[in-house]
C-alpha atoms as a PDB file:
ATOM      1  CA  MET A   1     -75.439  -5.196  45.662  1.00  0.00           C
ATOM      2  CA  GLY A   2     -76.651  -2.290  43.599  1.00  0.00           C
ATOM      3  CA  ASP A   3     -74.004  -0.110  45.174  1.00  0.00           C
ATOM      4  CA  ILE A   4     -71.031  -2.910  44.509  1.00  0.00           C
ATOM      5  CA  ASP A   5     -72.399  -3.296  40.511  1.00  0.00           C
ATOM      6  CA  ASP A   6     -72.677   0.346  40.327  1.00  0.00           C
ATOM      7  CA  ALA A   7     -68.638   0.786  41.517  1.00  0.00           C
ATOM      8  CA  LYS A   8     -67.468  -2.012  39.140  1.00  0.00           C
ATOM      9  CA  GLU A   9     -69.251  -0.087  36.213  1.00  0.00           C
ATOM     10  CA  ASP A  10     -67.683   3.034  37.122  1.00  0.00           C
ATOM     11  CA  GLN A  11     -64.339   1.147  37.404  1.00  0.00           C
ATOM     12  CA  THR A  12     -64.469  -0.394  33.864  1.00  0.00           C
ATOM     13  CA  GLU A  13     -65.741   3.372  32.573  1.00  0.00           C
ATOM     14  CA  ARG A  14     -62.499   4.833  34.127  1.00  0.00           C
ATOM     15  CA  LEU A  15     -60.138   1.766  32.723  1.00  0.00           C
ATOM     16  CA  THR A  16     -61.646   2.207  29.265  1.00  0.00           C
ATOM     17  CA  HIS A  17     -59.082   4.088  27.134  1.00  0.00           C
ATOM     18  CA  ARG A  18     -60.611   5.131  23.634  1.00  0.00           C
ATOM     19  CA  VAL A  19     -58.417   5.903  20.755  1.00  0.00           C
ATOM     20  CA  ASP A  20     -59.161   7.248  17.451  1.00  0.00           C
ATOM     21  CA  ALA A  21     -57.944   5.638  13.735  1.00  0.00           C
ATOM     22  CA  ARG A  22     -57.660   7.988  10.895  1.00  0.00           C
ATOM     23  CA  VAL A  23     -56.546   7.132   7.630  1.00  0.00           C
ATOM     24  CA  ILE A  24     -53.918   9.382   6.215  1.00  0.00           C
ATOM     25  CA  ARG A  25     -53.195   7.588   3.216  1.00  0.00           C
ATOM     26  CA  TYR A  26     -52.990   4.378   1.346  1.00  0.00           C
ATOM     27  CA  GLY A  27     -49.707   2.328   0.646  1.00  0.00           C
ATOM     28  CA  LEU A  28     -48.863  -1.044  -1.120  1.00  0.00           C
ATOM     29  CA  ARG A  29     -49.518  -2.875   2.074  1.00  0.00           C
ATOM     30  CA  GLY A  30     -52.928  -0.955   2.743  1.00  0.00           C
ATOM     31  CA  PRO A  31     -54.092   2.139   4.826  1.00  0.00           C
ATOM     32  CA  VAL A  32     -51.469   3.925   7.102  1.00  0.00           C
ATOM     33  CA  TYR A  33     -53.612   5.520  10.384  1.00  0.00           C
ATOM     34  CA  ARG A  34     -52.508   7.891  12.848  1.00  0.00           C
ATOM     35  CA  ILE A  35     -53.898   7.152  16.475  1.00  0.00           C
ATOM     36  CA  LEU A  36     -55.456   9.818  18.486  1.00  0.00           C
ATOM     37  CA  HIS A  37     -56.017   9.566  22.213  1.00  0.00           C
ATOM     38  CA  ALA A  38     -57.292  11.964  24.549  1.00  0.00           C
ATOM     39  CA  GLY A  39     -57.179  14.514  21.762  1.00  0.00           C
ATOM     40  CA  GLU A  40     -53.467  14.149  20.819  1.00  0.00           C
ATOM     41  CA  VAL A  41     -51.766  12.131  18.230  1.00  0.00           C
ATOM     42  CA  LEU A  42     -50.522   9.073  19.625  1.00  0.00           C
ATOM     43  CA  LEU A  43     -49.137   7.451  16.629  1.00  0.00           C
ATOM     44  CA  GLU A  44     -48.671   9.016  13.115  1.00  0.00           C
ATOM     45  CA  GLY A  45     -47.858   6.391  10.099  1.00  0.00           C
ATOM     46  CA  CYS A  46     -48.975   3.257  11.769  1.00  0.00           C
ATOM     47  CA  ARG A  47     -50.408   0.013  10.057  1.00  0.00           C
ATOM     48  CA  CYS A  48     -51.979  -1.933  12.892  1.00  0.00           C
ATOM     49  CA  PRO A  49     -53.366   0.706  14.935  1.00  0.00           C
ATOM     50  CA  LEU A  50     -55.225  -1.253  17.832  1.00  0.00           C
ATOM     51  CA  PHE A  51     -51.979  -3.225  18.976  1.00  0.00           C
ATOM     52  CA  GLU A  52     -49.788  -0.456  18.044  1.00  0.00           C
ATOM     53  CA  ALA A  53     -51.917   1.778  20.115  1.00  0.00           C
ATOM     54  CA  CYS A  54     -51.502  -0.445  23.270  1.00  0.00           C
ATOM     55  CA  ARG A  55     -47.830  -0.251  22.753  1.00  0.00           C
ATOM     56  CA  ALA A  56     -47.555   3.065  23.091  1.00  0.00           C
ATOM     57  CA  LEU A  57     -50.147   3.530  26.145  1.00  0.00           C
ATOM     58  CA  LEU A  58     -47.991   1.241  28.131  1.00  0.00           C
ATOM     59  CA  ALA A  59     -45.216   3.250  26.975  1.00  0.00           C
ATOM     60  CA  LYS A  60     -46.615   6.292  28.196  1.00  0.00           C
ATOM     61  CA  GLY A  61     -47.171   4.210  31.624  1.00  0.00           C
ATOM     62  CA  ILE A  62     -50.770   3.450  31.208  1.00  0.00           C
ATOM     63  CA  THR A  63     -51.084  -0.166  32.488  1.00  0.00           C
ATOM     64  CA  GLY A  64     -54.527  -0.945  32.949  1.00  0.00           C
ATOM     65  CA  GLY A  65     -57.842  -1.473  31.272  1.00  0.00           C
ATOM     66  CA  ARG A  66     -58.871  -1.736  28.201  1.00  0.00           C
ATOM     67  CA  VAL A  67     -58.358   0.103  24.438  1.00  0.00           C
ATOM     68  CA  GLU A  68     -61.307   0.573  22.157  1.00  0.00           C
ATOM     69  CA  LEU A  69     -60.135   1.458  18.325  1.00  0.00           C
ATOM     70  CA  TRP A  70     -62.804   4.014  17.240  1.00  0.00           C
ATOM     71  CA  ARG A  71     -62.911   4.960  13.286  1.00  0.00           C
ATOM     72  CA  SER A  72     -63.866   8.425  11.972  1.00  0.00           C
ATOM     73  CA  GLY A  73     -67.698   8.634  11.774  1.00  0.00           C
ATOM     74  CA  GLU A  74     -68.644   5.444  13.347  1.00  0.00           C
ATOM     75  CA  ALA A  75     -71.371   5.020  16.273  1.00  0.00           C
ATOM     76  CA  SER A  76     -69.295   2.639  18.418  1.00  0.00           C
ATOM     77  CA  TRP A  77     -66.128   1.372  18.721  1.00  0.00           C
ATOM     78  CA  ALA A  78     -64.467  -1.036  16.296  1.00  0.00           C
ATOM     79  CA  LEU A  79     -62.286  -3.500  18.099  1.00  0.00           C
ATOM     80  CA  ALA A  80     -61.443  -3.889  21.754  1.00  0.00           C
ATOM     81  CA  VAL A  81     -58.583  -5.281  24.075  1.00  0.00           C
ATOM     82  CA  ASP A  82     -56.984  -5.168  27.217  1.00  0.00           C
ATOM     83  CA  ILE A  83     -53.912  -3.056  26.910  1.00  0.00           C
ATOM     84  CA  THR A  84     -51.277  -5.794  28.311  1.00  0.00           C
ATOM     85  CA  VAL A  85     -52.866  -8.397  26.020  1.00  0.00           C
ATOM     86  CA  GLY A  86     -52.803  -6.211  23.135  1.00  0.00           C
ATOM     87  CA  ALA A  87     -49.438  -5.063  23.435  1.00  0.00           C
ATOM     88  CA  LYS A  88     -48.111  -8.570  22.869  1.00  0.00           C
ATOM     89  CA  LEU A  89     -49.898  -9.463  19.588  1.00  0.00           C
ATOM     90  CA  THR A  90     -49.694  -7.793  15.771  1.00  0.00           C
ATOM     91  CA  VAL A  91     -51.393  -8.606  12.818  1.00  0.00           C
ATOM     92  CA  VAL A  92     -48.938 -10.948  10.111  1.00  0.00           C
ATOM     93  CA  GLU A  93     -49.829 -11.344   6.678  1.00  0.00           C
ATOM     94  CA  THR A  94     -47.215 -12.482   3.858  1.00  0.00           C
ATOM     95  CA  GLU A  95     -47.918 -13.201   0.298  1.00  0.00           C
ATOM     96  CA  THR A  96     -48.314 -16.911   0.902  1.00  0.00           C
ATOM     97  CA  GLU A  97     -50.939 -16.447   4.335  1.00  0.00           C
ATOM     98  CA  GLY A  98     -53.713 -14.247   4.814  1.00  0.00           C
ATOM     99  CA  PRO A  99     -53.832 -11.793   7.895  1.00  0.00           C
ATOM    100  CA  ARG A 100     -53.889 -13.796  11.545  1.00  0.00           C
ATOM    101  CA  LEU A 101     -53.075 -12.482  14.817  1.00  0.00           C
ATOM    102  CA  GLY A 102     -49.185 -13.152  15.877  1.00  0.00           C
ATOM    103  CA  LYS A 103     -46.851 -12.571  18.735  1.00  0.00           C
ATOM    104  CA  TRP A 104     -45.336  -9.594  18.195  1.00  0.00           C
ATOM    105  CA  SER A 105     -41.696  -9.170  19.397  1.00  0.00           C
ATOM    106  CA  VAL A 106     -39.208  -6.319  19.125  1.00  0.00           C
ATOM    107  CA  PRO A 107     -37.506  -6.213  15.790  1.00  0.00           C
ATOM    108  CA  SER A 108     -33.595  -7.019  15.979  1.00  0.00           C
ATOM    109  CA  LEU A 109     -31.200  -4.349  15.447  1.00  0.00           C
ATOM    110  CA  ASP A 110     -29.650  -6.136  12.302  1.00  0.00           C
ATOM    111  CA  ALA A 111     -33.299  -6.272  11.034  1.00  0.00           C
ATOM    112  CA  ILE A 112     -34.223  -2.493  11.720  1.00  0.00           C
ATOM    113  CA  SER A 113     -30.508  -1.927   9.679  1.00  0.00           C
ATOM    114  CA  ARG A 114     -31.693  -3.992   7.039  1.00  0.00           C
ATOM    115  CA  LEU A 115     -34.352  -1.916   6.595  1.00  0.00           C
ATOM    116  CA  ARG A 116     -33.439   1.335   6.995  1.00  0.00           C
ATOM    117  CA  HIS A 117     -30.567   0.752   4.369  1.00  0.00           C
ATOM    118  CA  ARG A 118     -32.745  -1.374   1.608  1.00  0.00           C
ATOM    119  CA  ALA A 119     -33.316   0.874  -1.219  1.00  0.00           C
ATOM    120  CA  ARG A 120     -36.622   2.081  -2.251  1.00  0.00           C
ATOM    121  CA  THR A 121     -38.200   1.320  -5.685  1.00  0.00           C
ATOM    122  CA  ALA A 122     -41.195   2.487  -7.286  1.00  0.00           C
ATOM    123  CA  ARG A 123     -42.717  -0.592  -6.752  1.00  0.00           C
ATOM    124  CA  ASP A 124     -41.971  -0.805  -2.867  1.00  0.00           C
ATOM    125  CA  ALA A 125     -42.794   2.925  -2.379  1.00  0.00           C
ATOM    126  CA  ASP A 126     -45.812   4.630  -0.941  1.00  0.00           C
ATOM    127  CA  PRO A 127     -47.732   6.663  -2.945  1.00  0.00           C
ATOM    128  CA  VAL A 128     -47.716  10.291  -2.588  1.00  0.00           C
ATOM    129  CA  PRO A 129     -50.513  11.093  -0.272  1.00  0.00           C
ATOM    130  CA  TRP A 130     -53.618  13.022  -1.239  1.00  0.00           C
ATOM    131  CA  PRO A 131     -53.352  16.811  -0.032  1.00  0.00           C
ATOM    132  CA  THR A 132     -55.024  17.872   2.634  1.00  0.00           C
ATOM    133  CA  LEU A 133     -57.825  20.726   2.785  1.00  0.00           C
ATOM    134  CA  GLY A 134     -56.256  23.809   2.051  1.00  0.00           C
ATOM    135  CA  GLU A 135     -52.892  22.161   0.252  1.00  0.00           C
ATOM    136  CA  THR A 136     -52.506  22.598  -3.455  1.00  0.00           C
ATOM    137  CA  PRO A 137     -51.880  19.436  -5.282  1.00  0.00           C
ATOM    138  CA  ILE A 138     -48.752  20.330  -6.613  1.00  0.00           C
END
């Protein structure tokens, strides 16, 4: 029985994908993240790191196992979900309701078109990000 348990544990470890979330700036709607997987940038500028990472991994052909979301400087993962389950989810937050899990759907072309052509104002624009190490602030 011990060999079977060891084999199952090894299989679980191989099917676990670690993604590291790093805050790159803060916008009006909260933090914006860079997601790293296997030492490479998986996503840049996302707001829902775990579920967007699941969709990005599926797009790369990684279909099995679970994703663990790690935050900088932490000793253990913050969140974990099965890749195929997480790819179907998103966080929904509006002015009238708090954050909750919701079903993700592909945005319609009409919605994307409206977002691209909507004028940005000082009220809805993200603030200028903090300079990185070695950059001058001006």
